[in-house]
PDB file of N, CA and C in Angstrom:
ATOM      1  N   MET A   1     142.800  86.126  57.456  1.00  0.00           N
ATOM      2  CA  MET A   1     142.614  86.075  56.015  1.00  0.00           C
ATOM      3  C   MET A   1     141.685  84.910  55.692  1.00  0.00           C
ATOM      4  N   LYS A   2     140.780  85.152  54.771  1.00  0.00           N
ATOM      5  CA  LYS A   2     139.830  84.105  54.396  1.00  0.00           C
ATOM      6  C   LYS A   2     140.305  83.367  53.147  1.00  0.00           C
ATOM      7  N   THR A   3     139.872  82.153  53.030  1.00  0.00           N
ATOM      8  CA  THR A   3     140.131  81.380  51.822  1.00  0.00           C
ATOM      9  C   THR A   3     138.995  81.657  50.845  1.00  0.00           C
ATOM     10  N   TRP A   4     139.347  82.172  49.680  1.00  0.00           N
ATOM     11  CA  TRP A   4     138.359  82.437  48.640  1.00  0.00           C
ATOM     12  C   TRP A   4     138.068  81.138  47.901  1.00  0.00           C
ATOM     13  N   THR A   5     136.804  80.764  47.829  1.00  0.00           N
ATOM     14  CA  THR A   5     136.429  79.547  47.121  1.00  0.00           C
ATOM     15  C   THR A   5     136.189  79.854  45.650  1.00  0.00           C
ATOM     16  N   ILE A   6     136.205  78.826  44.848  1.00  0.00           N
ATOM     17  CA  ILE A   6     135.953  78.990  43.412  1.00  0.00           C
ATOM     18  C   ILE A   6     134.554  79.557  43.192  1.00  0.00           C
ATOM     19  N   ASN A   7     133.574  79.094  43.943  1.00  0.00           N
ATOM     20  CA  ASN A   7     132.210  79.604  43.787  1.00  0.00           C
ATOM     21  C   ASN A   7     132.132  81.098  44.095  1.00  0.00           C
ATOM     22  N   GLU A   8     132.813  81.554  45.132  1.00  0.00           N
ATOM     23  CA  GLU A   8     132.824  82.980  45.470  1.00  0.00           C
ATOM     24  C   GLU A   8     133.513  83.784  44.378  1.00  0.00           C
ATOM     25  N   LEU A   9     134.614  83.267  43.895  1.00  0.00           N
ATOM     26  CA  LEU A   9     135.397  83.981  42.888  1.00  0.00           C
ATOM     27  C   LEU A   9     134.668  84.069  41.552  1.00  0.00           C
ATOM     28  N   MET A  10     133.848  83.082  41.235  1.00  0.00           N
ATOM     29  CA  MET A  10     133.101  83.096  39.973  1.00  0.00           C
ATOM     30  C   MET A  10     132.118  84.259  39.906  1.00  0.00           C
ATOM     31  N   LEU A  11     131.760  84.816  41.053  1.00  0.00           N
ATOM     32  CA  LEU A  11     130.805  85.922  41.100  1.00  0.00           C
ATOM     33  C   LEU A  11     131.469  87.287  40.907  1.00  0.00           C
ATOM     34  N   LEU A  12     132.797  87.322  40.920  1.00  0.00           N
ATOM     35  CA  LEU A  12     133.523  88.582  40.808  1.00  0.00           C
ATOM     36  C   LEU A  12     133.791  88.950  39.348  1.00  0.00           C
ATOM     37  N   THR A  13     133.927  90.239  39.104  1.00  0.00           N
ATOM     38  CA  THR A  13     134.265  90.712  37.759  1.00  0.00           C
ATOM     39  C   THR A  13     135.758  90.508  37.516  1.00  0.00           C
ATOM     40  N   ARG A  14     136.164  90.660  36.263  1.00  0.00           N
ATOM     41  CA  ARG A  14     137.586  90.536  35.916  1.00  0.00           C
ATOM     42  C   ARG A  14     138.400  91.551  36.713  1.00  0.00           C
ATOM     43  N   GLU A  15     137.912  92.771  36.787  1.00  0.00           N
ATOM     44  CA  GLU A  15     138.626  93.820  37.519  1.00  0.00           C
ATOM     45  C   GLU A  15     138.788  93.454  38.998  1.00  0.00           C
ATOM     46  N   GLU A  16     137.742  92.932  39.595  1.00  0.00           N
ATOM     47  CA  GLU A  16     137.810  92.525  41.002  1.00  0.00           C
ATOM     48  C   GLU A  16     138.791  91.371  41.194  1.00  0.00           C
ATOM     49  N   LEU A  17     138.787  90.441  40.260  1.00  0.00           N
ATOM     50  CA  LEU A  17     139.708  89.308  40.338  1.00  0.00           C
ATOM     51  C   LEU A  17     141.155  89.777  40.230  1.00  0.00           C
ATOM     52  N   CYS A  18     141.415  90.676  39.305  1.00  0.00           N
ATOM     53  CA  CYS A  18     142.778  91.186  39.134  1.00  0.00           C
ATOM     54  C   CYS A  18     143.241  91.941  40.377  1.00  0.00           C
ATOM     55  N   ARG A  19     142.360  92.742  40.940  1.00  0.00           N
ATOM     56  CA  ARG A  19     142.699  93.498  42.148  1.00  0.00           C
ATOM     57  C   ARG A  19     142.983  92.544  43.313  1.00  0.00           C
ATOM     58  N   LEU A  20     142.157  91.523  43.452  1.00  0.00           N
ATOM     59  CA  LEU A  20     142.351  90.543  44.517  1.00  0.00           C
ATOM     60  C   LEU A  20     143.653  89.779  44.318  1.00  0.00           C
ATOM     61  N   ALA A  21     143.958  89.407  43.086  1.00  0.00           N
ATOM     62  CA  ALA A  21     145.211  88.700  42.799  1.00  0.00           C
ATOM     63  C   ALA A  21     146.407  89.550  43.205  1.00  0.00           C
ATOM     64  N   GLU A  22     146.350  90.833  42.889  1.00  0.00           N
ATOM     65  CA  GLU A  22     147.441  91.740  43.252  1.00  0.00           C
ATOM     66  C   GLU A  22     147.592  91.832  44.768  1.00  0.00           C
ATOM     67  N   GLU A  23     146.475  91.946  45.471  1.00  0.00           N
ATOM     68  CA  GLU A  23     146.515  92.012  46.934  1.00  0.00           C
ATOM     69  C   GLU A  23     147.096  90.736  47.537  1.00  0.00           C
ATOM     70  N   LEU A  24     146.682  89.596  47.009  1.00  0.00           N
ATOM     71  CA  LEU A  24     147.181  88.321  47.524  1.00  0.00           C
ATOM     72  C   LEU A  24     148.676  88.168  47.260  1.00  0.00           C
ATOM     73  N   GLU A  25     149.107  88.524  46.056  1.00  0.00           N
ATOM     74  CA  GLU A  25     150.522  88.404  45.710  1.00  0.00           C
ATOM     75  C   GLU A  25     151.378  89.319  46.574  1.00  0.00           C
ATOM     76  N   GLN A  26     150.913  90.542  46.815  1.00  0.00           N
ATOM     77  CA  GLN A  26     151.662  91.454  47.671  1.00  0.00           C
ATOM     78  C   GLN A  26     151.675  90.960  49.114  1.00  0.00           C
ATOM     79  N   GLY A  27     150.576  90.386  49.553  1.00  0.00           N
ATOM     80  CA  GLY A  27     150.492  89.862  50.911  1.00  0.00           C
ATOM     81  C   GLY A  27     151.435  88.701  51.150  1.00  0.00           C
ATOM     82  N   LEU A  28     151.705  87.932  50.114  1.00  0.00           N
ATOM     83  CA  LEU A  28     152.606  86.780  50.250  1.00  0.00           C
ATOM     84  C   LEU A  28     154.003  87.203  50.692  1.00  0.00           C
ATOM     85  N   THR A  29     154.424  88.383  50.274  1.00  0.00           N
ATOM     86  CA  THR A  29     155.773  88.835  50.616  1.00  0.00           C
ATOM     87  C   THR A  29     155.919  89.104  52.108  1.00  0.00           C
ATOM     88  N   ARG A  30     154.804  89.328  52.782  1.00  0.00           N
ATOM     89  CA  ARG A  30     154.846  89.627  54.214  1.00  0.00           C
ATOM     90  C   ARG A  30     154.583  88.408  55.092  1.00  0.00           C
ATOM     91  N   LEU A  31     154.284  87.276  54.476  1.00  0.00           N
ATOM     92  CA  LEU A  31     153.941  86.077  55.234  1.00  0.00           C
ATOM     93  C   LEU A  31     155.102  85.086  55.247  1.00  0.00           C
ATOM     94  N   GLU A  32     155.338  84.521  56.409  1.00  0.00           N
ATOM     95  CA  GLU A  32     156.415  83.542  56.569  1.00  0.00           C
ATOM     96  C   GLU A  32     156.046  82.219  55.888  1.00  0.00           C
ATOM     97  N   PRO A  33     157.005  81.603  55.212  1.00  0.00           N
ATOM     98  CA  PRO A  33     156.754  80.296  54.598  1.00  0.00           C
ATOM     99  C   PRO A  33     156.326  79.270  55.651  1.00  0.00           C
ATOM    100  N   GLY A  34     155.370  78.445  55.280  1.00  0.00           N
ATOM    101  CA  GLY A  34     154.921  77.374  56.151  1.00  0.00           C
ATOM    102  C   GLY A  34     153.840  77.763  57.145  1.00  0.00           C
ATOM    103  N   THR A  35     153.457  79.035  57.177  1.00  0.00           N
ATOM    104  CA  THR A  35     152.426  79.454  58.123  1.00  0.00           C
ATOM    105  C   THR A  35     151.037  79.199  57.530  1.00  0.00           C
ATOM    106  N   ALA A  36     150.063  79.111  58.418  1.00  0.00           N
ATOM    107  CA  ALA A  36     148.688  78.867  57.988  1.00  0.00           C
ATOM    108  C   ALA A  36     148.181  80.014  57.121  1.00  0.00           C
ATOM    109  N   LEU A  37     148.534  81.238  57.465  1.00  0.00           N
ATOM    110  CA  LEU A  37     148.081  82.388  56.672  1.00  0.00           C
ATOM    111  C   LEU A  37     148.638  82.353  55.255  1.00  0.00           C
ATOM    112  N   ARG A  38     149.896  81.949  55.131  1.00  0.00           N
ATOM    113  CA  ARG A  38     150.501  81.861  53.789  1.00  0.00           C
ATOM    114  C   ARG A  38     149.831  80.755  52.981  1.00  0.00           C
ATOM    115  N   THR A  39     149.543  79.639  53.612  1.00  0.00           N
ATOM    116  CA  THR A  39     148.854  78.541  52.933  1.00  0.00           C
ATOM    117  C   THR A  39     147.473  78.977  52.472  1.00  0.00           C
ATOM    118  N   THR A  40     146.783  79.736  53.306  1.00  0.00           N
ATOM    119  CA  THR A  40     145.468  80.266  52.946  1.00  0.00           C
ATOM    120  C   THR A  40     145.575  81.190  51.739  1.00  0.00           C
ATOM    121  N   ALA A  41     146.554  82.080  51.754  1.00  0.00           N
ATOM    122  CA  ALA A  41     146.745  83.003  50.640  1.00  0.00           C
ATOM    123  C   ALA A  41     147.081  82.250  49.355  1.00  0.00           C
ATOM    124  N   LEU A  42     147.930  81.257  49.450  1.00  0.00           N
ATOM    125  CA  LEU A  42     148.310  80.469  48.269  1.00  0.00           C
ATOM    126  C   LEU A  42     147.120  79.693  47.711  1.00  0.00           C
ATOM    127  N   THR A  43     146.292  79.154  48.597  1.00  0.00           N
ATOM    128  CA  THR A  43     145.094  78.427  48.168  1.00  0.00           C
ATOM    129  C   THR A  43     144.137  79.363  47.450  1.00  0.00           C
ATOM    130  N   SER A  44     143.925  80.545  48.008  1.00  0.00           N
ATOM    131  CA  SER A  44     143.045  81.529  47.380  1.00  0.00           C
ATOM    132  C   SER A  44     143.586  81.959  46.020  1.00  0.00           C
ATOM    133  N   LEU A  45     144.886  82.174  45.940  1.00  0.00           N
ATOM    134  CA  LEU A  45     145.502  82.583  44.686  1.00  0.00           C
ATOM    135  C   LEU A  45     145.385  81.475  43.643  1.00  0.00           C
ATOM    136  N   ASP A  46     145.560  80.245  44.059  1.00  0.00           N
ATOM    137  CA  ASP A  46     145.398  79.111  43.143  1.00  0.00           C
ATOM    138  C   ASP A  46     143.955  79.038  42.643  1.00  0.00           C
ATOM    139  N   ASN A  47     142.995  79.193  43.544  1.00  0.00           N
ATOM    140  CA  ASN A  47     141.586  79.176  43.147  1.00  0.00           C
ATOM    141  C   ASN A  47     141.282  80.321  42.190  1.00  0.00           C
ATOM    142  N   LEU A  48     141.836  81.480  42.456  1.00  0.00           N
ATOM    143  CA  LEU A  48     141.629  82.642  41.606  1.00  0.00           C
ATOM    144  C   LEU A  48     142.162  82.382  40.202  1.00  0.00           C
ATOM    145  N   ARG A  49     143.325  81.809  40.112  1.00  0.00           N
ATOM    146  CA  ARG A  49     143.918  81.513  38.793  1.00  0.00           C
ATOM    147  C   ARG A  49     143.096  80.473  38.045  1.00  0.00           C
ATOM    148  N   ARG A  50     142.530  79.521  38.771  1.00  0.00           N
ATOM    149  CA  ARG A  50     141.662  78.518  38.141  1.00  0.00           C
ATOM    150  C   ARG A  50     140.418  79.180  37.550  1.00  0.00           C
ATOM    151  N   VAL A  51     139.841  80.116  38.296  1.00  0.00           N
ATOM    152  CA  VAL A  51     138.655  80.825  37.824  1.00  0.00           C
ATOM    153  C   VAL A  51     138.992  81.660  36.593  1.00  0.00           C
ATOM    154  N   MET A  52     140.114  82.356  36.626  1.00  0.00           N
ATOM    155  CA  MET A  52     140.518  83.171  35.476  1.00  0.00           C
ATOM    156  C   MET A  52     140.684  82.289  34.241  1.00  0.00           C
ATOM    157  N   THR A  53     141.303  81.144  34.404  1.00  0.00           N
ATOM    158  CA  THR A  53     141.508  80.227  33.290  1.00  0.00           C
ATOM    159  C   THR A  53     140.178  79.677  32.794  1.00  0.00           C
ATOM    160  N   ARG A  54     139.329  79.270  33.717  1.00  0.00           N
ATOM    161  CA  ARG A  54     138.030  78.699  33.368  1.00  0.00           C
ATOM    162  C   ARG A  54     137.189  79.700  32.581  1.00  0.00           C
ATOM    163  N   ARG A  55     137.282  80.966  32.962  1.00  0.00           N
ATOM    164  CA  ARG A  55     136.489  82.007  32.298  1.00  0.00           C
ATOM    165  C   ARG A  55     137.199  82.601  31.083  1.00  0.00           C
ATOM    166  N   GLY A  56     138.390  82.125  30.778  1.00  0.00           N
ATOM    167  CA  GLY A  56     139.124  82.603  29.607  1.00  0.00           C
ATOM    168  C   GLY A  56     139.672  84.009  29.771  1.00  0.00           C
ATOM    169  N   LEU A  57     139.928  84.403  30.994  1.00  0.00           N
ATOM    170  CA  LEU A  57     140.452  85.733  31.281  1.00  0.00           C
ATOM    171  C   LEU A  57     141.963  85.662  31.499  1.00  0.00           C
ATOM    172  N   HIS A  58     142.637  86.788  31.283  1.00  0.00           N
ATOM    173  CA  HIS A  58     144.074  86.844  31.472  1.00  0.00           C
ATOM    174  C   HIS A  58     144.404  87.978  32.416  1.00  0.00           C
ATOM    175  N   PHE A  59     145.490  87.813  33.170  1.00  0.00           N
ATOM    176  CA  PHE A  59     145.926  88.843  34.115  1.00  0.00           C
ATOM    177  C   PHE A  59     146.510  90.011  33.381  1.00  0.00           C
TER     178      PHE A  59
END
């Protein structure tokens, strides 16, 4: 799993961001707490939420 950066996320549409957020949230349920993959997913989700807020978009 890759870490999505804020710069990468800023290039996505609202629809793409929402779809990615859903995928990340669903993926979290399958990842063990404390693992590198879960940390990566959480970081990407945090970055995604920052972009949504910065752009004035809502989930």
